[in-house]
Amino acid sequence: MNEALTLLKQRYEELNKQGKLDEAAQALFTELLTEAERLQASNLALRRTILKSSSKESRMSTKLRDALYE
């Protein structure tokens, strides 16, 4: 995802340098890119939370399994 966002930023900068975007389009692209960055950070945080949660669950099930075998 990070690569895709980087490519979009590069394309925006190229279009902006060529003068093909008016002020409204520039504002819209800036807003969209900012929102995409925020969503990417949120997605990463959620993935970390899920990984932490799943790793805790697997340890608990191992402890329960060991207790049952005893």
PDB file of N, CA and C in Angstrom:
ATOM      1  N   MET A   1       0.830  -1.198   0.000  1.00  0.00           N
ATOM      2  CA  MET A   1       0.000   0.000   0.000  1.00  0.00           C
ATOM      3  C   MET A   1       0.866   1.251   0.000  1.00  0.00           C
ATOM      4  N   ASN A   2       1.957   1.210   0.728  1.00  0.00           N
ATOM      5  CA  ASN A   2       2.821   2.375   0.808  1.00  0.00           C
ATOM      6  C   ASN A   2       3.356   2.742  -0.574  1.00  0.00           C
ATOM      7  N   GLU A   3       3.681   1.737  -1.388  1.00  0.00           N
ATOM      8  CA  GLU A   3       4.183   2.003  -2.730  1.00  0.00           C
ATOM      9  C   GLU A   3       3.120   2.684  -3.580  1.00  0.00           C
ATOM     10  N   ALA A   4       1.900   2.219  -3.460  1.00  0.00           N
ATOM     11  CA  ALA A   4       0.815   2.806  -4.245  1.00  0.00           C
ATOM     12  C   ALA A   4       0.613   4.270  -3.871  1.00  0.00           C
ATOM     13  N   LEU A   5       0.666   4.560  -2.584  1.00  0.00           N
ATOM     14  CA  LEU A   5       0.501   5.939  -2.126  1.00  0.00           C
ATOM     15  C   LEU A   5       1.659   6.813  -2.605  1.00  0.00           C
ATOM     16  N   THR A   6       2.844   6.275  -2.584  1.00  0.00           N
ATOM     17  CA  THR A   6       4.012   7.012  -3.066  1.00  0.00           C
ATOM     18  C   THR A   6       3.883   7.314  -4.552  1.00  0.00           C
ATOM     19  N   LEU A   7       3.434   6.343  -5.322  1.00  0.00           N
ATOM     20  CA  LEU A   7       3.243   6.560  -6.763  1.00  0.00           C
ATOM     21  C   LEU A   7       2.181   7.621  -7.028  1.00  0.00           C
ATOM     22  N   LEU A   8       1.101   7.590  -6.263  1.00  0.00           N
ATOM     23  CA  LEU A   8       0.061   8.603  -6.431  1.00  0.00           C
ATOM     24  C   LEU A   8       0.591  10.002  -6.118  1.00  0.00           C
ATOM     25  N   LYS A   9       1.401  10.106  -5.081  1.00  0.00           N
ATOM     26  CA  LYS A   9       1.991  11.406  -4.740  1.00  0.00           C
ATOM     27  C   LYS A   9       2.893  11.901  -5.861  1.00  0.00           C
ATOM     28  N   GLN A  10       3.678  10.995  -6.438  1.00  0.00           N
ATOM     29  CA  GLN A  10       4.569  11.379  -7.530  1.00  0.00           C
ATOM     30  C   GLN A  10       3.778  11.860  -8.740  1.00  0.00           C
ATOM     31  N   ARG A  11       2.714  11.142  -9.074  1.00  0.00           N
ATOM     32  CA  ARG A  11       1.880  11.554 -10.205  1.00  0.00           C
ATOM     33  C   ARG A  11       1.246  12.914  -9.951  1.00  0.00           C
ATOM     34  N   TYR A  12       0.787  13.134  -8.716  1.00  0.00           N
ATOM     35  CA  TYR A  12       0.197  14.424  -8.361  1.00  0.00           C
ATOM     36  C   TYR A  12       1.231  15.536  -8.534  1.00  0.00           C
ATOM     37  N   GLU A  13       2.440  15.304  -8.024  1.00  0.00           N
ATOM     38  CA  GLU A  13       3.483  16.323  -8.118  1.00  0.00           C
ATOM     39  C   GLU A  13       3.832  16.632  -9.578  1.00  0.00           C
ATOM     40  N   GLU A  14       3.878  15.583 -10.424  1.00  0.00           N
ATOM     41  CA  GLU A  14       4.163  15.798 -11.844  1.00  0.00           C
ATOM     42  C   GLU A  14       3.081  16.643 -12.509  1.00  0.00           C
ATOM     43  N   LEU A  15       1.828  16.286 -12.241  1.00  0.00           N
ATOM     44  CA  LEU A  15       0.724  17.056 -12.824  1.00  0.00           C
ATOM     45  C   LEU A  15       0.721  18.494 -12.313  1.00  0.00           C
ATOM     46  N   ASN A  16       1.037  18.658 -11.056  1.00  0.00           N
ATOM     47  CA  ASN A  16       1.059  19.987 -10.451  1.00  0.00           C
ATOM     48  C   ASN A  16       2.178  20.834 -11.052  1.00  0.00           C
ATOM     49  N   LYS A  17       3.342  20.234 -11.275  1.00  0.00           N
ATOM     50  CA  LYS A  17       4.462  20.969 -11.867  1.00  0.00           C
ATOM     51  C   LYS A  17       4.166  21.373 -13.310  1.00  0.00           C
ATOM     52  N   GLN A  18       3.435  20.510 -14.020  1.00  0.00           N
ATOM     53  CA  GLN A  18       3.103  20.805 -15.411  1.00  0.00           C
ATOM     54  C   GLN A  18       1.993  21.844 -15.523  1.00  0.00           C
ATOM     55  N   GLY A  19       1.384  22.169 -14.400  1.00  0.00           N
ATOM     56  CA  GLY A  19       0.341  23.175 -14.401  1.00  0.00           C
ATOM     57  C   GLY A  19      -0.991  22.674 -14.936  1.00  0.00           C
ATOM     58  N   LYS A  20      -1.203  21.376 -14.887  1.00  0.00           N
ATOM     59  CA  LYS A  20      -2.441  20.801 -15.421  1.00  0.00           C
ATOM     60  C   LYS A  20      -3.569  20.765 -14.396  1.00  0.00           C
ATOM     61  N   LEU A  21      -3.268  21.161 -13.167  1.00  0.00           N
ATOM     62  CA  LEU A  21      -4.289  21.135 -12.118  1.00  0.00           C
ATOM     63  C   LEU A  21      -4.635  22.561 -11.694  1.00  0.00           C
ATOM     64  N   ASP A  22      -5.931  22.828 -11.600  1.00  0.00           N
ATOM     65  CA  ASP A  22      -6.325  24.135 -11.078  1.00  0.00           C
ATOM     66  C   ASP A  22      -6.314  24.072  -9.544  1.00  0.00           C
ATOM     67  N   GLU A  23      -6.622  25.175  -8.910  1.00  0.00           N
ATOM     68  CA  GLU A  23      -6.535  25.255  -7.442  1.00  0.00           C
ATOM     69  C   GLU A  23      -7.490  24.297  -6.753  1.00  0.00           C
ATOM     70  N   ALA A  24      -8.685  24.133  -7.289  1.00  0.00           N
ATOM     71  CA  ALA A  24      -9.669  23.225  -6.685  1.00  0.00           C
ATOM     72  C   ALA A  24      -9.177  21.779  -6.757  1.00  0.00           C
ATOM     73  N   ALA A  25      -8.596  21.401  -7.888  1.00  0.00           N
ATOM     74  CA  ALA A  25      -8.077  20.038  -8.039  1.00  0.00           C
ATOM     75  C   ALA A  25      -6.889  19.815  -7.102  1.00  0.00           C
ATOM     76  N   GLN A  26      -6.031  20.819  -6.963  1.00  0.00           N
ATOM     77  CA  GLN A  26      -4.896  20.707  -6.051  1.00  0.00           C
ATOM     78  C   GLN A  26      -5.372  20.497  -4.624  1.00  0.00           C
ATOM     79  N   ALA A  27      -6.361  21.255  -4.216  1.00  0.00           N
ATOM     80  CA  ALA A  27      -6.895  21.131  -2.859  1.00  0.00           C
ATOM     81  C   ALA A  27      -7.515  19.754  -2.651  1.00  0.00           C
ATOM     82  N   LEU A  28      -8.250  19.293  -3.651  1.00  0.00           N
ATOM     83  CA  LEU A  28      -8.883  17.975  -3.553  1.00  0.00           C
ATOM     84  C   LEU A  28      -7.838  16.869  -3.450  1.00  0.00           C
ATOM     85  N   PHE A  29      -6.822  16.912  -4.311  1.00  0.00           N
ATOM     86  CA  PHE A  29      -5.771  15.898  -4.262  1.00  0.00           C
ATOM     87  C   PHE A  29      -5.029  15.928  -2.935  1.00  0.00           C
ATOM     88  N   THR A  30      -4.745  17.105  -2.445  1.00  0.00           N
ATOM     89  CA  THR A  30      -4.058  17.218  -1.158  1.00  0.00           C
ATOM     90  C   THR A  30      -4.891  16.609  -0.046  1.00  0.00           C
ATOM     91  N   GLU A  31      -6.176  16.898  -0.055  1.00  0.00           N
ATOM     92  CA  GLU A  31      -7.077  16.343   0.956  1.00  0.00           C
ATOM     93  C   GLU A  31      -7.167  14.820   0.846  1.00  0.00           C
ATOM     94  N   LEU A  32      -7.274  14.316  -0.374  1.00  0.00           N
ATOM     95  CA  LEU A  32      -7.370  12.873  -0.579  1.00  0.00           C
ATOM     96  C   LEU A  32      -6.082  12.153  -0.164  1.00  0.00           C
ATOM     97  N   LEU A  33      -4.946  12.719  -0.496  1.00  0.00           N
ATOM     98  CA  LEU A  33      -3.678  12.101  -0.112  1.00  0.00           C
ATOM     99  C   LEU A  33      -3.492  12.118   1.405  1.00  0.00           C
ATOM    100  N   THR A  34      -3.911  13.189   2.043  1.00  0.00           N
ATOM    101  CA  THR A  34      -3.831  13.262   3.497  1.00  0.00           C
ATOM    102  C   THR A  34      -4.719  12.210   4.139  1.00  0.00           C
ATOM    103  N   GLU A  35      -5.920  12.057   3.620  1.00  0.00           N
ATOM    104  CA  GLU A  35      -6.847  11.049   4.144  1.00  0.00           C
ATOM    105  C   GLU A  35      -6.305   9.635   3.903  1.00  0.00           C
ATOM    106  N   ALA A  36      -5.699   9.404   2.753  1.00  0.00           N
ATOM    107  CA  ALA A  36      -5.128   8.091   2.456  1.00  0.00           C
ATOM    108  C   ALA A  36      -3.990   7.764   3.425  1.00  0.00           C
ATOM    109  N   GLU A  37      -3.162   8.747   3.741  1.00  0.00           N
ATOM    110  CA  GLU A  37      -2.084   8.541   4.715  1.00  0.00           C
ATOM    111  C   GLU A  37      -2.651   8.229   6.100  1.00  0.00           C
ATOM    112  N   ARG A  38      -3.694   8.939   6.483  1.00  0.00           N
ATOM    113  CA  ARG A  38      -4.316   8.696   7.793  1.00  0.00           C
ATOM    114  C   ARG A  38      -4.904   7.289   7.855  1.00  0.00           C
ATOM    115  N   LEU A  39      -5.579   6.894   6.786  1.00  0.00           N
ATOM    116  CA  LEU A  39      -6.174   5.558   6.746  1.00  0.00           C
ATOM    117  C   LEU A  39      -5.107   4.460   6.740  1.00  0.00           C
ATOM    118  N   GLN A  40      -4.008   4.723   6.078  1.00  0.00           N
ATOM    119  CA  GLN A  40      -2.911   3.754   6.056  1.00  0.00           C
ATOM    120  C   GLN A  40      -2.331   3.580   7.461  1.00  0.00           C
ATOM    121  N   ALA A  41      -2.154   4.671   8.178  1.00  0.00           N
ATOM    122  CA  ALA A  41      -1.647   4.593   9.547  1.00  0.00           C
ATOM    123  C   ALA A  41      -2.641   3.865  10.448  1.00  0.00           C
ATOM    124  N   SER A  42      -3.917   4.138  10.262  1.00  0.00           N
ATOM    125  CA  SER A  42      -4.948   3.462  11.047  1.00  0.00           C
ATOM    126  C   SER A  42      -4.962   1.967  10.748  1.00  0.00           C
ATOM    127  N   ASN A  43      -4.829   1.617   9.480  1.00  0.00           N
ATOM    128  CA  ASN A  43      -4.789   0.216   9.078  1.00  0.00           C
ATOM    129  C   ASN A  43      -3.607  -0.499   9.718  1.00  0.00           C
ATOM    130  N   LEU A  44      -2.456   0.138   9.731  1.00  0.00           N
ATOM    131  CA  LEU A  44      -1.267  -0.452  10.345  1.00  0.00           C
ATOM    132  C   LEU A  44      -1.477  -0.669  11.838  1.00  0.00           C
ATOM    133  N   ALA A  45      -2.077   0.316  12.512  1.00  0.00           N
ATOM    134  CA  ALA A  45      -2.344   0.184  13.948  1.00  0.00           C
ATOM    135  C   ALA A  45      -3.320  -0.962  14.218  1.00  0.00           C
ATOM    136  N   LEU A  46      -4.336  -1.088  13.387  1.00  0.00           N
ATOM    137  CA  LEU A  46      -5.297  -2.185  13.556  1.00  0.00           C
ATOM    138  C   LEU A  46      -4.637  -3.538  13.324  1.00  0.00           C
ATOM    139  N   ARG A  47      -3.780  -3.618  12.332  1.00  0.00           N
ATOM    140  CA  ARG A  47      -3.071  -4.879  12.076  1.00  0.00           C
ATOM    141  C   ARG A  47      -2.205  -5.263  13.266  1.00  0.00           C
ATOM    142  N   ARG A  48      -1.509  -4.304  13.842  1.00  0.00           N
ATOM    143  CA  ARG A  48      -0.674  -4.587  15.021  1.00  0.00           C
ATOM    144  C   ARG A  48      -1.528  -5.068  16.183  1.00  0.00           C
ATOM    145  N   THR A  49      -2.668  -4.437  16.386  1.00  0.00           N
ATOM    146  CA  THR A  49      -3.573  -4.836  17.463  1.00  0.00           C
ATOM    147  C   THR A  49      -4.074  -6.262  17.252  1.00  0.00           C
ATOM    148  N   ILE A  50      -4.435  -6.581  16.038  1.00  0.00           N
ATOM    149  CA  ILE A  50      -4.912  -7.932  15.735  1.00  0.00           C
ATOM    150  C   ILE A  50      -3.803  -8.954  15.960  1.00  0.00           C
ATOM    151  N   LEU A  51      -2.588  -8.631  15.532  1.00  0.00           N
ATOM    152  CA  LEU A  51      -1.477  -9.557  15.739  1.00  0.00           C
ATOM    153  C   LEU A  51      -1.204  -9.781  17.220  1.00  0.00           C
ATOM    154  N   LYS A  52      -1.244  -8.718  18.000  1.00  0.00           N
ATOM    155  CA  LYS A  52      -1.037  -8.854  19.436  1.00  0.00           C
ATOM    156  C   LYS A  52      -2.141  -9.692  20.057  1.00  0.00           C
ATOM    157  N   SER A  53      -3.361  -9.449  19.642  1.00  0.00           N
ATOM    158  CA  SER A  53      -4.503 -10.170  20.174  1.00  0.00           C
ATOM    159  C   SER A  53      -4.425 -11.651  19.818  1.00  0.00           C
ATOM    160  N   SER A  54      -4.096 -11.949  18.591  1.00  0.00           N
ATOM    161  CA  SER A  54      -4.035 -13.350  18.166  1.00  0.00           C
ATOM    162  C   SER A  54      -2.874 -14.078  18.833  1.00  0.00           C
ATOM    163  N   SER A  55      -1.780 -13.387  19.086  1.00  0.00           N
ATOM    164  CA  SER A  55      -0.656 -14.047  19.750  1.00  0.00           C
ATOM    165  C   SER A  55      -0.994 -14.348  21.210  1.00  0.00           C
ATOM    166  N   LYS A  56      -1.757 -13.501  21.855  1.00  0.00           N
ATOM    167  CA  LYS A  56      -2.178 -13.759  23.235  1.00  0.00           C
ATOM    168  C   LYS A  56      -3.131 -14.947  23.285  1.00  0.00           C
ATOM    169  N   GLU A  57      -4.036 -15.016  22.323  1.00  0.00           N
ATOM    170  CA  GLU A  57      -4.991 -16.117  22.295  1.00  0.00           C
ATOM    171  C   GLU A  57      -4.280 -17.449  22.100  1.00  0.00           C
ATOM    172  N   SER A  58      -3.283 -17.476  21.237  1.00  0.00           N
ATOM    173  CA  SER A  58      -2.595 -18.735  20.983  1.00  0.00           C
ATOM    174  C   SER A  58      -1.830 -19.188  22.222  1.00  0.00           C
ATOM    175  N   ARG A  59      -1.255 -18.262  22.966  1.00  0.00           N
ATOM    176  CA  ARG A  59      -0.555 -18.631  24.204  1.00  0.00           C
ATOM    177  C   ARG A  59      -1.551 -19.158  25.229  1.00  0.00           C
ATOM    178  N   MET A  60      -2.704 -18.541  25.317  1.00  0.00           N
ATOM    179  CA  MET A  60      -3.702 -18.990  26.285  1.00  0.00           C
ATOM    180  C   MET A  60      -4.185 -20.396  25.928  1.00  0.00           C
ATOM    181  N   SER A  61      -4.413 -20.660  24.667  1.00  0.00           N
ATOM    182  CA  SER A  61      -4.900 -21.978  24.296  1.00  0.00           C
ATOM    183  C   SER A  61      -3.825 -23.027  24.573  1.00  0.00           C
ATOM    184  N   THR A  62      -2.562 -22.673  24.391  1.00  0.00           N
ATOM    185  CA  THR A  62      -1.482 -23.609  24.703  1.00  0.00           C
ATOM    186  C   THR A  62      -1.462 -23.904  26.193  1.00  0.00           C
ATOM    187  N   LYS A  63      -1.624 -22.881  27.007  1.00  0.00           N
ATOM    188  CA  LYS A  63      -1.652 -23.086  28.458  1.00  0.00           C
ATOM    189  C   LYS A  63      -2.838 -23.967  28.853  1.00  0.00           C
ATOM    190  N   LEU A  64      -3.976 -23.717  28.263  1.00  0.00           N
ATOM    191  CA  LEU A  64      -5.149 -24.529  28.571  1.00  0.00           C
ATOM    192  C   LEU A  64      -4.946 -25.971  28.119  1.00  0.00           C
ATOM    193  N   ARG A  65      -4.372 -26.140  26.945  1.00  0.00           N
ATOM    194  CA  ARG A  65      -4.125 -27.486  26.434  1.00  0.00           C
ATOM    195  C   ARG A  65      -3.164 -28.231  27.348  1.00  0.00           C
ATOM    196  N   ASP A  66      -2.097 -27.563  27.779  1.00  0.00           N
ATOM    197  CA  ASP A  66      -1.132 -28.183  28.690  1.00  0.00           C
ATOM    198  C   ASP A  66      -1.806 -28.556  30.005  1.00  0.00           C
ATOM    199  N   ALA A  67      -2.663 -27.690  30.502  1.00  0.00           N
ATOM    200  CA  ALA A  67      -3.352 -27.975  31.767  1.00  0.00           C
ATOM    201  C   ALA A  67      -4.285 -29.165  31.609  1.00  0.00           C
ATOM    202  N   LEU A  68      -4.935 -29.284  30.480  1.00  0.00           N
ATOM    203  CA  LEU A  68      -5.841 -30.404  30.259  1.00  0.00           C
ATOM    204  C   LEU A  68      -5.098 -31.732  30.152  1.00  0.00           C
ATOM    205  N   TYR A  69      -3.897 -31.699  29.575  1.00  0.00           N
ATOM    206  CA  TYR A  69      -3.131 -32.930  29.443  1.00  0.00           C
ATOM    207  C   TYR A  69      -2.554 -33.413  30.755  1.00  0.00           C
ATOM    208  N   GLU A  70      -2.416 -32.518  31.735  1.00  0.00           N
ATOM    209  CA  GLU A  70      -1.837 -32.907  33.026  1.00  0.00           C
ATOM    210  C   GLU A  70      -2.766 -33.717  33.854  1.00  0.00           C
TER     211      GLU A  70
END
